[in-house]
Amino acid sequence: MSPDNPSDWVKALQRLRENKALRDQIGQQAKADFLARYSRIARATNILEEIKSRMPSSGSS
């Protein structure tokens, strides 16, 4: 599929309209991706990891 080709978009949307299992699969994957990357816990974990990576190691002088 070319993102610049409107007829490809139409075909993809028709496929989704006609295929509930595919819609459900895409929706479940989107939710899993969201929870893994953008939930409060995921964002807090990423922030803490960034802070840790910027702190000097305890073994350096």
PDB file of N, CA and C in Angstrom:
ATOM      1  N   MET A   1       0.847  -1.186   0.000  1.00  0.00           N
ATOM      2  CA  MET A   1       0.000   0.000   0.000  1.00  0.00           C
ATOM      3  C   MET A   1       0.881   1.233   0.000  1.00  0.00           C
ATOM      4  N   SER A   2       0.572   2.123  -0.878  1.00  0.00           N
ATOM      5  CA  SER A   2       1.270   3.404  -0.924  1.00  0.00           C
ATOM      6  C   SER A   2       0.453   4.451  -0.163  1.00  0.00           C
ATOM      7  N   PRO A   3       1.049   5.117   0.821  1.00  0.00           N
ATOM      8  CA  PRO A   3       0.291   6.112   1.584  1.00  0.00           C
ATOM      9  C   PRO A   3      -0.151   7.306   0.744  1.00  0.00           C
ATOM     10  N   ASP A   4       0.441   7.472  -0.420  1.00  0.00           N
ATOM     11  CA  ASP A   4       0.078   8.591  -1.290  1.00  0.00           C
ATOM     12  C   ASP A   4      -0.981   8.222  -2.330  1.00  0.00           C
ATOM     13  N   ASN A   5      -1.411   6.962  -2.330  1.00  0.00           N
ATOM     14  CA  ASN A   5      -2.357   6.501  -3.343  1.00  0.00           C
ATOM     15  C   ASN A   5      -3.756   6.364  -2.741  1.00  0.00           C
ATOM     16  N   PRO A   6      -4.686   7.260  -3.101  1.00  0.00           N
ATOM     17  CA  PRO A   6      -6.043   7.211  -2.530  1.00  0.00           C
ATOM     18  C   PRO A   6      -6.766   5.889  -2.786  1.00  0.00           C
ATOM     19  N   SER A   7      -6.545   5.270  -3.933  1.00  0.00           N
ATOM     20  CA  SER A   7      -7.255   4.013  -4.196  1.00  0.00           C
ATOM     21  C   SER A   7      -6.752   2.893  -3.271  1.00  0.00           C
ATOM     22  N   ASP A   8      -5.483   2.941  -2.870  1.00  0.00           N
ATOM     23  CA  ASP A   8      -4.981   1.975  -1.890  1.00  0.00           C
ATOM     24  C   ASP A   8      -5.668   2.167  -0.543  1.00  0.00           C
ATOM     25  N   TRP A   9      -5.897   3.418  -0.163  1.00  0.00           N
ATOM     26  CA  TRP A   9      -6.605   3.712   1.078  1.00  0.00           C
ATOM     27  C   TRP A   9      -8.025   3.155   1.028  1.00  0.00           C
ATOM     28  N   VAL A  10      -8.694   3.362  -0.097  1.00  0.00           N
ATOM     29  CA  VAL A  10     -10.067   2.864  -0.244  1.00  0.00           C
ATOM     30  C   VAL A  10     -10.086   1.346  -0.099  1.00  0.00           C
ATOM     31  N   LYS A  11      -9.154   0.656  -0.753  1.00  0.00           N
ATOM     32  CA  LYS A  11      -9.092  -0.808  -0.662  1.00  0.00           C
ATOM     33  C   LYS A  11      -8.849  -1.252   0.778  1.00  0.00           C
ATOM     34  N   ALA A  12      -7.939  -0.572   1.468  1.00  0.00           N
ATOM     35  CA  ALA A  12      -7.629  -0.939   2.851  1.00  0.00           C
ATOM     36  C   ALA A  12      -8.840  -0.720   3.758  1.00  0.00           C
ATOM     37  N   LEU A  13      -9.538   0.383   3.571  1.00  0.00           N
ATOM     38  CA  LEU A  13     -10.724   0.663   4.391  1.00  0.00           C
ATOM     39  C   LEU A  13     -11.847  -0.324   4.092  1.00  0.00           C
ATOM     40  N   GLN A  14     -12.009  -0.684   2.827  1.00  0.00           N
ATOM     41  CA  GLN A  14     -13.020  -1.687   2.478  1.00  0.00           C
ATOM     42  C   GLN A  14     -12.679  -3.030   3.120  1.00  0.00           C
ATOM     43  N   ARG A  15     -11.406  -3.380   3.099  1.00  0.00           N
ATOM     44  CA  ARG A  15     -10.974  -4.642   3.714  1.00  0.00           C
ATOM     45  C   ARG A  15     -11.292  -4.641   5.202  1.00  0.00           C
ATOM     46  N   LEU A  16     -11.024  -3.526   5.869  1.00  0.00           N
ATOM     47  CA  LEU A  16     -11.331  -3.432   7.293  1.00  0.00           C
ATOM     48  C   LEU A  16     -12.838  -3.489   7.540  1.00  0.00           C
ATOM     49  N   ARG A  17     -13.610  -2.829   6.700  1.00  0.00           N
ATOM     50  CA  ARG A  17     -15.058  -2.824   6.861  1.00  0.00           C
ATOM     51  C   ARG A  17     -15.619  -4.243   6.752  1.00  0.00           C
ATOM     52  N   GLU A  18     -15.028  -5.041   5.887  1.00  0.00           N
ATOM     53  CA  GLU A  18     -15.541  -6.379   5.609  1.00  0.00           C
ATOM     54  C   GLU A  18     -14.933  -7.471   6.497  1.00  0.00           C
ATOM     55  N   ASN A  19     -13.911  -7.142   7.295  1.00  0.00           N
ATOM     56  CA  ASN A  19     -13.195  -8.176   8.034  1.00  0.00           C
ATOM     57  C   ASN A  19     -13.141  -7.823   9.520  1.00  0.00           C
ATOM     58  N   LYS A  20     -14.158  -8.297  10.270  1.00  0.00           N
ATOM     59  CA  LYS A  20     -14.220  -7.984  11.702  1.00  0.00           C
ATOM     60  C   LYS A  20     -13.023  -8.552  12.460  1.00  0.00           C
ATOM     61  N   ALA A  21     -12.570  -9.742  12.097  1.00  0.00           N
ATOM     62  CA  ALA A  21     -11.426 -10.353  12.794  1.00  0.00           C
ATOM     63  C   ALA A  21     -10.178  -9.480  12.642  1.00  0.00           C
ATOM     64  N   LEU A  22      -9.964  -8.933  11.458  1.00  0.00           N
ATOM     65  CA  LEU A  22      -8.816  -8.052  11.232  1.00  0.00           C
ATOM     66  C   LEU A  22      -8.955  -6.764  12.044  1.00  0.00           C
ATOM     67  N   ARG A  23     -10.164  -6.193  12.063  1.00  0.00           N
ATOM     68  CA  ARG A  23     -10.398  -4.985  12.876  1.00  0.00           C
ATOM     69  C   ARG A  23     -10.103  -5.254  14.335  1.00  0.00           C
ATOM     70  N   ASP A  24     -10.598  -6.401  14.828  1.00  0.00           N
ATOM     71  CA  ASP A  24     -10.371  -6.752  16.234  1.00  0.00           C
ATOM     72  C   ASP A  24      -8.884  -6.947  16.518  1.00  0.00           C
ATOM     73  N   GLN A  25      -8.190  -7.618  15.611  1.00  0.00           N
ATOM     74  CA  GLN A  25      -6.751  -7.864  15.795  1.00  0.00           C
ATOM     75  C   GLN A  25      -5.980  -6.547  15.826  1.00  0.00           C
ATOM     76  N   ILE A  26      -6.277  -5.660  14.901  1.00  0.00           N
ATOM     77  CA  ILE A  26      -5.593  -4.365  14.856  1.00  0.00           C
ATOM     78  C   ILE A  26      -5.900  -3.563  16.121  1.00  0.00           C
ATOM     79  N   GLY A  27      -7.153  -3.597  16.556  1.00  0.00           N
ATOM     80  CA  GLY A  27      -7.535  -2.878  17.769  1.00  0.00           C
ATOM     81  C   GLY A  27      -6.841  -3.415  19.009  1.00  0.00           C
ATOM     82  N   GLN A  28      -6.765  -4.733  19.127  1.00  0.00           N
ATOM     83  CA  GLN A  28      -6.086  -5.331  20.278  1.00  0.00           C
ATOM     84  C   GLN A  28      -4.600  -5.002  20.283  1.00  0.00           C
ATOM     85  N   GLN A  29      -3.979  -5.013  19.109  1.00  0.00           N
ATOM     86  CA  GLN A  29      -2.556  -4.686  19.030  1.00  0.00           C
ATOM     87  C   GLN A  29      -2.320  -3.216  19.359  1.00  0.00           C
ATOM     88  N   ALA A  30      -3.215  -2.350  18.897  1.00  0.00           N
ATOM     89  CA  ALA A  30      -3.093  -0.922  19.199  1.00  0.00           C
ATOM     90  C   ALA A  30      -3.194  -0.680  20.709  1.00  0.00           C
ATOM     91  N   LYS A  31      -4.115  -1.378  21.362  1.00  0.00           N
ATOM     92  CA  LYS A  31      -4.263  -1.225  22.815  1.00  0.00           C
ATOM     93  C   LYS A  31      -3.016  -1.720  23.538  1.00  0.00           C
ATOM     94  N   ALA A  32      -2.493  -2.860  23.114  1.00  0.00           N
ATOM     95  CA  ALA A  32      -1.283  -3.405  23.741  1.00  0.00           C
ATOM     96  C   ALA A  32      -0.097  -2.460  23.552  1.00  0.00           C
ATOM     97  N   ASP A  33       0.041  -1.911  22.345  1.00  0.00           N
ATOM     98  CA  ASP A  33       1.123  -0.951  22.083  1.00  0.00           C
ATOM     99  C   ASP A  33       0.974   0.290  22.954  1.00  0.00           C
ATOM    100  N   PHE A  34      -0.259   0.786  23.067  1.00  0.00           N
ATOM    101  CA  PHE A  34      -0.508   1.965  23.893  1.00  0.00           C
ATOM    102  C   PHE A  34      -0.118   1.701  25.340  1.00  0.00           C
ATOM    103  N   LEU A  35      -0.588   0.580  25.884  1.00  0.00           N
ATOM    104  CA  LEU A  35      -0.294   0.276  27.283  1.00  0.00           C
ATOM    105  C   LEU A  35       1.193   0.077  27.518  1.00  0.00           C
ATOM    106  N   ALA A  36       1.883  -0.515  26.550  1.00  0.00           N
ATOM    107  CA  ALA A  36       3.315  -0.772  26.707  1.00  0.00           C
ATOM    108  C   ALA A  36       4.142   0.504  26.602  1.00  0.00           C
ATOM    109  N   ARG A  37       3.674   1.470  25.843  1.00  0.00           N
ATOM    110  CA  ARG A  37       4.495   2.661  25.583  1.00  0.00           C
ATOM    111  C   ARG A  37       3.988   3.942  26.222  1.00  0.00           C
ATOM    112  N   TYR A  38       2.678   4.075  26.398  1.00  0.00           N
ATOM    113  CA  TYR A  38       2.136   5.382  26.760  1.00  0.00           C
ATOM    114  C   TYR A  38       1.296   5.392  28.031  1.00  0.00           C
ATOM    115  N   SER A  39       1.153   4.263  28.700  1.00  0.00           N
ATOM    116  CA  SER A  39       0.408   4.278  29.961  1.00  0.00           C
ATOM    117  C   SER A  39       1.207   5.089  30.986  1.00  0.00           C
ATOM    118  N   ARG A  40       0.563   5.423  32.087  1.00  0.00           N
ATOM    119  CA  ARG A  40       1.261   6.170  33.144  1.00  0.00           C
ATOM    120  C   ARG A  40       2.490   5.423  33.631  1.00  0.00           C
ATOM    121  N   ILE A  41       2.333   4.121  33.817  1.00  0.00           N
ATOM    122  CA  ILE A  41       3.457   3.302  34.303  1.00  0.00           C
ATOM    123  C   ILE A  41       4.588   3.280  33.273  1.00  0.00           C
ATOM    124  N   ALA A  42       4.249   3.089  32.011  1.00  0.00           N
ATOM    125  CA  ALA A  42       5.283   3.044  30.967  1.00  0.00           C
ATOM    126  C   ALA A  42       6.008   4.383  30.874  1.00  0.00           C
ATOM    127  N   ARG A  43       5.269   5.481  30.918  1.00  0.00           N
ATOM    128  CA  ARG A  43       5.911   6.803  30.839  1.00  0.00           C
ATOM    129  C   ARG A  43       6.804   7.039  32.052  1.00  0.00           C
ATOM    130  N   ALA A  44       6.324   6.679  33.244  1.00  0.00           N
ATOM    131  CA  ALA A  44       7.128   6.863  34.450  1.00  0.00           C
ATOM    132  C   ALA A  44       8.393   6.016  34.386  1.00  0.00           C
ATOM    133  N   THR A  45       8.262   4.784  33.911  1.00  0.00           N
ATOM    134  CA  THR A  45       9.428   3.916  33.773  1.00  0.00           C
ATOM    135  C   THR A  45      10.435   4.518  32.810  1.00  0.00           C
ATOM    136  N   ASN A  46       9.965   5.035  31.695  1.00  0.00           N
ATOM    137  CA  ASN A  46      10.865   5.662  30.721  1.00  0.00           C
ATOM    138  C   ASN A  46      11.565   6.883  31.300  1.00  0.00           C
ATOM    139  N   ILE A  47      10.847   7.675  32.065  1.00  0.00           N
ATOM    140  CA  ILE A  47      11.444   8.860  32.684  1.00  0.00           C
ATOM    141  C   ILE A  47      12.526   8.437  33.684  1.00  0.00           C
ATOM    142  N   LEU A  48      12.219   7.447  34.515  1.00  0.00           N
ATOM    143  CA  LEU A  48      13.210   6.985  35.492  1.00  0.00           C
ATOM    144  C   LEU A  48      14.453   6.414  34.804  1.00  0.00           C
ATOM    145  N   GLU A  49      14.255   5.666  33.729  1.00  0.00           N
ATOM    146  CA  GLU A  49      15.396   5.129  32.990  1.00  0.00           C
ATOM    147  C   GLU A  49      16.241   6.255  32.394  1.00  0.00           C
ATOM    148  N   GLU A  50      15.599   7.287  31.904  1.00  0.00           N
ATOM    149  CA  GLU A  50      16.340   8.432  31.347  1.00  0.00           C
ATOM    150  C   GLU A  50      17.129   9.134  32.442  1.00  0.00           C
ATOM    151  N   ILE A  51      16.525   9.310  33.594  1.00  0.00           N
ATOM    152  CA  ILE A  51      17.232   9.948  34.711  1.00  0.00           C
ATOM    153  C   ILE A  51      18.438   9.103  35.117  1.00  0.00           C
ATOM    154  N   LYS A  52      18.235   7.787  35.239  1.00  0.00           N
ATOM    155  CA  LYS A  52      19.339   6.900  35.607  1.00  0.00           C
ATOM    156  C   LYS A  52      20.476   6.981  34.586  1.00  0.00           C
ATOM    157  N   SER A  53      20.136   7.051  33.318  1.00  0.00           N
ATOM    158  CA  SER A  53      21.177   7.071  32.285  1.00  0.00           C
ATOM    159  C   SER A  53      21.989   8.358  32.302  1.00  0.00           C
ATOM    160  N   ARG A  54      21.439   9.420  32.874  1.00  0.00           N
ATOM    161  CA  ARG A  54      22.146  10.704  32.912  1.00  0.00           C
ATOM    162  C   ARG A  54      22.926  10.922  34.203  1.00  0.00           C
ATOM    163  N   MET A  55      22.716  10.037  35.160  1.00  0.00           N
ATOM    164  CA  MET A  55      23.421  10.184  36.430  1.00  0.00           C
ATOM    165  C   MET A  55      24.802   9.545  36.317  1.00  0.00           C
ATOM    166  N   PRO A  56      25.787  10.165  36.964  1.00  0.00           N
ATOM    167  CA  PRO A  56      27.120   9.560  36.945  1.00  0.00           C
ATOM    168  C   PRO A  56      27.088   8.222  37.679  1.00  0.00           C
ATOM    169  N   SER A  57      27.869   7.283  37.189  1.00  0.00           N
ATOM    170  CA  SER A  57      27.901   5.969  37.849  1.00  0.00           C
ATOM    171  C   SER A  57      28.590   6.097  39.199  1.00  0.00           C
ATOM    172  N   SER A  58      28.223   5.232  40.129  1.00  0.00           N
ATOM    173  CA  SER A  58      28.766   5.332  41.487  1.00  0.00           C
ATOM    174  C   SER A  58      30.231   4.953  41.575  1.00  0.00           C
ATOM    175  N   GLY A  59      30.755   4.260  40.557  1.00  0.00           N
ATOM    176  CA  GLY A  59      32.152   3.846  40.590  1.00  0.00           C
ATOM    177  C   GLY A  59      33.114   4.868  40.007  1.00  0.00           C
ATOM    178  N   SER A  60      32.622   5.977  39.476  1.00  0.00           N
ATOM    179  CA  SER A  60      33.552   6.959  38.862  1.00  0.00           C
ATOM    180  C   SER A  60      34.047   7.956  39.881  1.00  0.00           C
ATOM    181  N   SER A  61      35.216   8.539  39.630  1.00  0.00           N
ATOM    182  CA  SER A  61      35.764   9.518  40.579  1.00  0.00           C
ATOM    183  C   SER A  61      35.790  10.889  39.994  1.00  0.00           C
TER     184      SER A  61
END
